[in-house]
Protein backbone atom coordinates (compact mmCIF):
# COMPACT_ATOMS: atom_id res chain seq x y z
CA MET A 1 -28.62 -30.14 -0.30
CA TRP A 2 -25.53 -29.34 1.75
CA SER A 3 -23.65 -32.29 0.26
CA VAL A 4 -24.48 -31.09 -3.24
CA LEU A 5 -23.45 -27.56 -2.32
CA TRP A 6 -20.06 -28.58 -0.97
CA ALA A 7 -19.48 -30.90 -3.90
CA ASN A 8 -20.12 -28.05 -6.34
CA LEU A 9 -17.71 -25.76 -4.51
CA GLY A 10 -14.96 -28.36 -4.59
CA ARG A 11 -15.46 -29.35 -8.21
CA LYS A 12 -12.76 -27.02 -9.53
CA ARG A 13 -10.49 -26.56 -6.55
CA SER A 14 -7.97 -24.28 -8.21
CA ARG A 15 -10.71 -21.89 -9.35
CA MET A 16 -12.42 -22.02 -5.98
CA ILE A 17 -9.14 -21.30 -4.16
CA LEU A 18 -8.31 -18.37 -6.45
CA THR A 19 -11.81 -16.88 -6.10
CA LEU A 20 -11.76 -17.40 -2.34
CA SER A 21 -8.29 -15.83 -2.08
CA SER A 22 -9.43 -12.79 -4.04
CA ILE A 23 -12.38 -12.29 -1.70
CA ILE A 24 -10.16 -12.71 1.36
CA VAL A 25 -7.70 -10.09 0.09
CA ALA A 26 -10.57 -7.71 -0.73
CA PHE A 27 -11.97 -7.92 2.81
CA ILE A 28 -8.53 -7.61 4.39
CA LEU A 29 -8.10 -4.38 2.44
CA PHE A 30 -11.61 -3.29 3.44
CA THR A 31 -10.80 -3.85 7.12
CA LEU A 32 -7.50 -1.96 6.91
CA VAL A 33 -9.10 0.99 5.12
CA GLU A 34 -11.95 1.19 7.64
CA ALA A 35 -9.47 1.12 10.53
CA LEU A 36 -7.36 3.85 8.93
CA GLN A 37 -10.44 5.99 8.36
CA TYR A 38 -11.45 5.59 12.01
CA ALA A 39 -7.91 6.42 13.14
CA LEU A 40 -7.99 9.69 11.19
CA ILE A 41 -11.54 10.89 11.86
CA GLY A 42 -12.74 8.64 14.69
CA GLY A 43 -12.40 11.55 17.12
CA VAL A 44 -15.39 13.14 15.40
CA ASP A 45 -17.69 10.47 16.81
CA LEU A 46 -16.17 10.82 20.28
CA ALA A 47 -16.54 14.61 20.41
CA GLY A 48 -18.57 15.99 23.30
CA GLN A 49 -22.02 17.27 22.43
CA ASP A 50 -21.89 19.93 25.14
CA ARG A 51 -18.51 21.37 24.12
CA LEU A 52 -17.63 24.18 21.76
CA MET A 53 -14.28 25.15 20.31
CA SER A 54 -13.43 28.77 19.61
CA MET A 55 -10.44 29.47 17.39
CA HIS A 56 -9.10 32.13 15.05
CA LYS A 57 -11.41 32.70 12.10
CA VAL A 58 -8.61 32.03 9.62
CA SER A 59 -7.15 28.82 11.10
CA PHE A 60 -6.51 27.16 14.44
CA THR A 61 -2.80 27.73 13.79
CA GLN A 62 -3.36 31.48 14.13
CA PRO A 63 -3.11 32.68 17.77
CA LEU A 64 -5.67 34.48 19.87
CA PRO A 65 -4.93 37.02 22.63
CA ARG A 66 -4.79 35.48 26.08
CA SER A 67 -7.47 37.90 27.30
CA TYR A 68 -10.07 36.15 25.13
CA LEU A 69 -10.27 33.26 27.58
CA GLU A 70 -11.60 35.39 30.45
CA ARG A 71 -14.10 37.08 28.16
CA VAL A 72 -15.39 33.73 26.92
CA ARG A 73 -15.73 32.46 30.48
CA ALA A 74 -17.99 35.42 31.24
CA VAL A 75 -20.42 34.60 28.42
CA GLU A 76 -23.88 33.53 29.57
CA GLY A 77 -24.31 29.78 29.10
CA VAL A 78 -20.61 28.89 29.44
CA ARG A 79 -20.01 26.47 32.31
CA SER A 80 -16.20 26.44 32.14
CA ALA A 81 -13.43 27.06 29.63
CA ILE A 82 -9.72 26.44 29.10
CA SER A 83 -7.28 27.31 26.34
CA LEU A 84 -4.76 25.06 24.62
CA ASN A 85 -1.92 25.56 22.16
CA TRP A 86 -0.61 23.21 19.51
CA PHE A 87 2.95 22.86 20.79
CA GLY A 88 4.37 20.78 17.94
CA GLY A 89 6.39 18.78 20.44
CA TYR A 90 8.88 16.01 19.87
CA PHE A 91 11.24 13.96 22.02
CA LYS A 92 14.94 13.69 21.07
CA ASP A 93 14.28 13.98 17.32
CA GLU A 94 11.40 15.09 15.13
CA ARG A 95 10.47 11.52 14.22
CA THR A 96 9.33 10.96 17.82
CA GLN A 97 6.34 13.28 17.99
CA VAL A 98 4.72 14.16 21.29
CA PHE A 99 1.17 15.49 21.10
CA SER A 100 1.60 18.13 23.78
CA TYR A 101 -0.58 21.03 24.83
CA PRO A 102 0.09 23.99 27.14
CA VAL A 103 -3.09 24.42 29.20
CA LEU A 104 -4.36 27.72 30.59
CA GLY A 105 -7.06 27.28 33.21
CA GLU A 106 -5.77 23.94 34.46
CA THR A 107 -8.27 23.69 37.33
CA ALA A 108 -11.08 23.38 34.78
CA LEU A 109 -9.40 20.69 32.65
CA GLN A 110 -11.50 17.82 33.97
CA ASP A 111 -14.66 19.89 33.99
CA VAL A 112 -14.28 20.69 30.30
CA TYR A 113 -13.03 17.17 29.52
CA PRO A 114 -14.65 14.86 32.11
CA GLU A 115 -13.49 11.80 30.16
CA ILE A 116 -9.93 12.43 31.41
CA VAL A 117 -9.27 10.21 34.42
CA VAL A 118 -6.29 10.95 36.66
CA ASN A 119 -5.30 10.12 40.22
CA PRO A 120 -6.40 13.03 42.47
CA GLU A 121 -2.98 13.12 44.14
CA HIS A 122 -1.25 13.35 40.78
CA LEU A 123 -3.65 16.09 39.71
CA SER A 124 -2.96 18.04 42.91
CA THR A 125 0.79 17.67 42.39
CA TRP A 126 0.42 18.89 38.82
CA MET A 127 -1.37 22.02 39.96
CA GLN A 128 1.52 22.86 42.28
CA GLU A 129 4.46 21.79 40.10
CA ARG A 130 5.53 24.59 37.74
CA THR A 131 7.23 22.26 35.26
CA GLY A 132 4.83 19.38 35.85
CA ALA A 133 3.17 17.45 33.05
CA LEU A 134 0.31 14.96 32.85
CA VAL A 135 0.99 12.20 30.33
CA GLY A 136 -1.44 9.77 28.73
CA ARG A 137 -0.92 6.13 29.53
CA ALA A 138 -0.32 5.11 25.90
CA MET A 139 2.34 7.78 25.48
CA ALA A 140 4.01 6.87 28.78
CA ASP A 141 4.14 3.21 27.75
CA THR A 142 5.51 4.05 24.30
CA MET A 143 8.20 6.39 25.62
CA GLY A 144 9.00 4.36 28.71
CA TRP A 145 8.25 7.32 30.98
CA LYS A 146 7.16 7.01 34.58
CA VAL A 147 6.16 9.38 37.37
CA ASN A 148 8.97 11.71 38.54
CA ASP A 149 10.93 11.35 35.29
CA ILE A 150 12.23 14.64 33.89
CA VAL A 151 12.02 14.73 30.10
CA PRO A 152 13.11 17.43 27.62
CA ILE A 153 10.34 18.18 25.11
CA ARG A 154 11.29 20.26 22.09
CA SER A 155 8.96 22.33 19.96
CA ALA A 156 9.01 22.52 16.18
CA ILE A 157 7.03 25.78 16.38
CA TYR A 158 8.06 27.83 19.42
CA PHE A 159 11.43 29.18 20.52
CA LYS A 160 12.46 30.82 23.75
CA LYS A 161 14.08 34.24 24.05
CA ASP A 162 17.48 32.58 24.36
CA GLY A 163 16.98 30.73 21.06
CA SER A 164 16.40 27.27 22.52
CA ASN A 165 13.28 25.24 21.81
CA THR A 166 13.39 22.84 24.77
CA TRP A 167 11.10 22.75 27.79
CA ASP A 168 12.17 20.36 30.58
CA MET A 169 9.10 18.73 32.11
CA LYS A 170 8.59 16.57 35.15
CA ILE A 171 6.11 13.72 34.75
CA VAL A 172 3.86 14.08 37.79
CA GLY A 173 0.91 11.94 36.71
CA ILE A 174 -0.43 9.51 34.12
CA PHE A 175 -4.00 9.86 32.91
CA ASP A 176 -6.50 7.54 31.27
CA ASN A 177 -9.33 8.52 28.98
CA ALA A 178 -12.82 7.06 28.83
CA ASN A 179 -12.77 7.58 25.05
CA GLY A 180 -9.55 5.62 24.69
CA ASP A 181 -7.12 8.28 23.45
CA THR A 182 -4.26 8.55 25.95
CA ASN A 183 -1.57 9.66 23.55
CA GLY A 184 -1.17 13.22 24.80
CA LEU A 185 0.69 15.42 27.25
CA TYR A 186 -0.63 18.46 29.15
CA PHE A 187 1.61 21.04 30.82
CA HIS A 188 1.26 24.54 32.24
CA TYR A 189 0.70 27.47 29.91
CA ASP A 190 2.51 29.88 32.27
CA TYR A 191 5.66 27.74 32.16
CA PHE A 192 5.42 27.62 28.39
CA ASN A 193 4.61 31.33 28.05
CA GLU A 194 7.26 32.82 30.33
CA GLY A 195 10.18 31.96 28.08
CA LEU A 196 8.65 33.19 24.82
CA ALA A 197 9.58 36.43 23.12
CA ASN A 198 6.01 36.87 21.84
CA GLN A 199 3.97 36.23 24.97
CA ASP A 200 0.33 35.97 26.00
CA TYR A 201 -1.14 34.27 22.94
CA ILE A 202 -3.24 31.14 23.07
CA GLY A 203 -4.20 28.63 20.38
CA TRP A 204 -7.89 27.86 20.84
CA ILE A 205 -10.49 27.81 23.58
CA GLY A 206 -12.37 24.70 24.62
CA LEU A 207 -15.54 25.43 26.56
CA ARG A 208 -18.28 23.37 28.11
CA LEU A 209 -21.88 24.52 28.01
CA LYS A 210 -24.37 24.63 30.83
CA ASP A 211 -27.00 23.44 28.35
CA LYS A 212 -25.96 21.63 25.17
CA ASN A 213 -29.05 22.96 23.41
CA GLN A 214 -27.69 26.51 23.68
CA GLY A 215 -24.63 25.80 21.55
CA ALA A 216 -25.74 27.84 18.53
CA GLN A 217 -26.61 30.90 20.63
CA VAL A 218 -23.38 30.79 22.65
CA ALA A 219 -21.26 30.34 19.53
CA ALA A 220 -22.95 33.28 17.81
CA HIS A 221 -22.51 35.44 20.91
CA ILE A 222 -18.78 34.72 21.14
CA ASP A 223 -18.13 35.39 17.46
CA THR A 224 -20.15 38.61 17.59
CA MET A 225 -18.19 39.72 20.63
CA PHE A 226 -14.90 39.51 18.72
CA ALA A 227 -16.22 40.65 15.35
CA ASN A 228 -14.17 43.39 13.63
CA SER A 229 -11.25 42.81 16.01
CA SER A 230 -7.71 42.02 14.90
CA ALA A 231 -8.36 38.36 15.79
CA GLU A 232 -11.91 37.38 14.89
CA THR A 233 -13.10 33.99 16.05
CA LYS A 234 -14.95 31.04 14.60
CA THR A 235 -16.80 29.08 17.25
CA SER A 236 -18.27 25.69 16.44
CA THR A 237 -19.11 22.38 18.03
CA GLU A 238 -16.20 20.17 18.98
CA LYS A 239 -17.39 17.70 16.36
CA ALA A 240 -17.04 20.32 13.62
CA PHE A 241 -13.63 21.34 14.98
CA VAL A 242 -12.31 17.77 14.94
CA GLN A 243 -13.74 17.24 11.46
CA SER A 244 -12.03 20.37 10.14
CA PHE A 245 -8.74 19.15 11.64
CA ALA A 246 -9.18 15.74 10.02
CA ASN A 247 -10.00 17.36 6.67
CA GLN A 248 -6.42 18.61 6.51
CA PHE A 249 -5.58 15.08 5.38
CA GLY A 250 -8.15 15.47 2.58
CA ASN A 251 -11.70 14.20 2.33
CA VAL A 252 -10.94 10.91 4.05
CA SER A 253 -14.50 9.56 3.78
CA ALA A 254 -14.65 10.19 0.03
CA ILE A 255 -11.24 8.60 -0.53
CA VAL A 256 -12.21 5.52 1.48
CA THR A 257 -15.53 5.21 -0.33
CA VAL A 258 -13.85 5.30 -3.75
CA ILE A 259 -11.31 2.65 -2.71
CA VAL A 260 -13.93 0.33 -1.24
CA VAL A 261 -16.28 0.68 -4.23
CA ALA A 262 -13.44 -0.02 -6.67
CA VAL A 263 -12.33 -3.09 -4.72
CA PHE A 264 -15.81 -4.58 -4.41
CA PHE A 265 -16.75 -3.83 -8.01
CA THR A 266 -13.67 -5.76 -9.11
CA MET A 267 -14.56 -8.58 -6.75
CA LEU A 268 -18.11 -8.61 -8.11
CA LEU A 269 -16.79 -9.17 -11.62
CA VAL A 270 -14.43 -11.92 -10.46
CA THR A 271 -17.05 -13.77 -8.40
CA ALA A 272 -19.82 -13.39 -10.98
CA ASN A 273 -17.57 -14.71 -13.73
CA SER A 274 -16.54 -17.65 -11.57
CA MET A 275 -20.15 -18.52 -10.76
CA ALA A 276 -21.30 -18.14 -14.37
CA GLN A 277 -18.52 -20.42 -15.59
CA SER A 278 -19.35 -22.97 -12.90
CA VAL A 279 -23.01 -23.05 -13.92
CA ARG A 280 -22.17 -23.39 -17.62
CA GLU A 281 -20.00 -26.41 -16.83
CA ARG A 282 -22.90 -28.01 -14.95
CA THR A 283 -25.60 -27.48 -17.60
CA SER A 284 -26.28 -31.17 -18.09
CA GLU A 285 -26.32 -31.79 -14.33
CA ILE A 286 -28.89 -29.02 -13.88
CA GLY A 287 -31.01 -30.71 -16.56
CA ILE A 288 -30.75 -34.04 -14.77
CA MET A 289 -31.70 -32.42 -11.44
CA LYS A 290 -34.81 -30.94 -13.03
CA THR A 291 -35.61 -34.32 -14.58
CA LEU A 292 -35.39 -35.93 -11.14
CA GLY A 293 -37.94 -33.49 -9.77
CA PHE A 294 -35.93 -30.46 -8.61
CA THR A 295 -37.90 -27.32 -9.33
CA SER A 296 -36.39 -24.23 -10.93
CA THR A 297 -36.75 -22.50 -7.56
CA GLN A 298 -34.73 -25.20 -5.80
CA VAL A 299 -32.00 -25.16 -8.46
CA THR A 300 -31.62 -21.37 -8.41
CA ALA A 301 -31.68 -21.37 -4.61
CA LEU A 302 -28.82 -23.89 -4.65
CA ILE A 303 -26.78 -21.70 -7.01
CA LEU A 304 -27.49 -18.58 -4.97
CA ALA A 305 -26.51 -20.41 -1.77
CA GLU A 306 -23.25 -21.42 -3.45
CA ALA A 307 -22.48 -17.79 -4.32
CA LEU A 308 -23.35 -16.62 -0.81
CA LEU A 309 -21.35 -19.39 0.83
CA ILE A 310 -18.13 -18.62 -1.02
CA THR A 311 -18.42 -14.87 -0.36
CA PHE A 312 -19.19 -15.37 3.32
CA ILE A 313 -16.35 -17.86 3.82
CA GLY A 314 -13.87 -15.55 2.09
CA GLY A 315 -15.32 -12.41 3.67
CA LEU A 316 -15.27 -13.72 7.24
CA ILE A 317 -11.72 -15.02 6.86
CA GLY A 318 -10.74 -11.65 5.40
CA LEU A 319 -12.33 -9.73 8.28
CA LEU A 320 -10.58 -11.96 10.81
CA LEU A 321 -7.16 -11.63 9.17
CA GLY A 322 -7.71 -7.91 8.66
CA THR A 323 -8.56 -7.44 12.33
CA LEU A 324 -5.42 -9.28 13.37
CA ALA A 325 -3.37 -7.17 10.96
CA VAL A 326 -4.88 -3.96 12.35
CA LYS A 327 -3.97 -4.99 15.90
CA GLY A 328 -0.36 -5.48 14.86
CA ILE A 329 -0.24 -2.22 12.92
CA ALA A 330 -1.95 -0.31 15.74
CA GLU A 331 0.79 -1.31 18.15
CA ALA A 332 3.43 0.02 15.77
CA VAL A 333 1.70 3.34 15.00
CA LYS A 334 -0.09 4.07 18.30
CA GLN A 335 2.18 7.06 18.85
CA PHE A 336 0.72 8.73 15.75
CA LEU A 337 -2.68 7.05 15.37
CA PRO A 338 -3.92 6.14 18.85
CA LEU A 339 -7.43 5.32 17.58
CA MET A 340 -6.22 2.74 15.05
CA THR A 341 -8.81 0.00 15.48
CA VAL A 342 -11.63 -1.60 13.51
CA PRO A 343 -14.89 0.18 14.44
CA HIS A 344 -17.90 -1.98 15.24
CA HIS A 345 -19.92 -0.62 12.33
CA ALA A 346 -17.24 -1.90 9.93
CA TYR A 347 -18.16 -5.51 10.75
CA PHE A 348 -21.84 -4.86 10.08
CA LEU A 349 -20.94 -3.10 6.84
CA GLY A 350 -18.62 -5.95 5.88
CA ILE A 351 -21.30 -8.61 6.43
CA THR A 352 -23.76 -6.51 4.42
CA CYS A 353 -21.22 -6.30 1.58
CA MET A 354 -20.76 -10.08 1.69
CA ALA A 355 -24.50 -10.61 1.29
CA LEU A 356 -24.79 -8.08 -1.54
CA LEU A 357 -21.72 -9.47 -3.30
CA GLY A 358 -23.06 -13.00 -3.09
CA ILE A 359 -26.57 -12.07 -4.26
CA VAL A 360 -25.48 -9.82 -7.15
CA SER A 361 -22.81 -12.24 -8.38
CA GLY A 362 -25.40 -15.02 -8.41
CA VAL A 363 -28.14 -13.13 -10.25
CA VAL A 364 -27.04 -13.97 -13.82
CA PRO A 365 -26.22 -17.67 -13.14
CA CYS A 366 -29.53 -18.04 -11.26
CA TRP A 367 -31.45 -16.50 -14.14
CA GLN A 368 -29.72 -18.81 -16.62
CA ALA A 369 -30.55 -21.85 -14.52
CA TRP A 370 -34.15 -20.72 -14.06
CA GLN A 371 -34.69 -20.29 -17.81
CA LEU A 372 -32.90 -23.50 -18.75
CA LYS A 373 -35.20 -26.15 -20.22
CA ILE A 374 -34.53 -29.82 -19.56
CA THR A 375 -34.28 -30.69 -23.26
CA ASP A 376 -31.83 -27.83 -23.92
CA ALA A 377 -29.72 -28.79 -20.91
CA LEU A 378 -29.44 -32.44 -21.90
CA ARG A 379 -28.74 -31.55 -25.54
CA ARG A 380 -25.90 -29.18 -24.57
CA GLY A 381 -24.48 -31.77 -22.21
């Protein structure tokens, strides 16, 4: 059977190569799109289940009064809390973005975000160093920074009283992250705040719960506490916060779904047409096989196996080449998309698509072969 199968695939080499190439390109595109989707919204899956984010009701870009942090810390059910600001940082020029965050409540940083791993000595130095900054390993590698370097970080959003937008920071430690994202920089809110004309405003509050099952009650309590104030809050799970941030790029999931469906529908037409044409060319051979004792079930199984084989060969090659391409792209864009990688579920989805593509594209040819009578096949041949 295998010899017959391979012989059928190689009968029209040019057609087989073109069909195979089309499938390979489709799965390369599928892999790239899945990696891009994960890079944009992958943080949603990594979000902590016992963390809430409290921000301005209008948008996270709107500031909250600094005093809100202490009031949130006092809420029953809150284990610890810190505030962060979106600094809009860049190094040298605006093309070199630095994801940097002034942190208020630094001593609770690792309690709120236990996935952050940093040398205790570096953390202690950071607590004592007014201009100190903790830098993620990926960012340090990209920028070529090392401990004790002093780097000027400019802000595209904030300006000091003297009109400058530069904060000189001393790299005192490099952190890792159990979730993999080490493309950030943390520095002291007080150092950031002291030079501003409009002081004592924070961006959002990240808080960790004593009991993750109390999230809804704590969130409602916080929002009620600030209701009817000049800066009302919207408190949600970290997952919802990350999703809302990702949605600024548009509905990424919907866009990806449309692209993938369009690609695979086109590939279905191409593969189905190729298989149907191949079966039509072998009508007399199918008649001879049935004459020699091959049952309709065996003949259709052979045709279906042929469709599955070509889709799996092309699909697996496409996934492999796509993965290699993603690794190369990820290295080039890790400063902007640190989570650029192919998620594990994409491989399972890809293999499922290969099976469906092979089965559906083989349905019509299989049905034709099943219905074909020996006399009709020999007469047509």
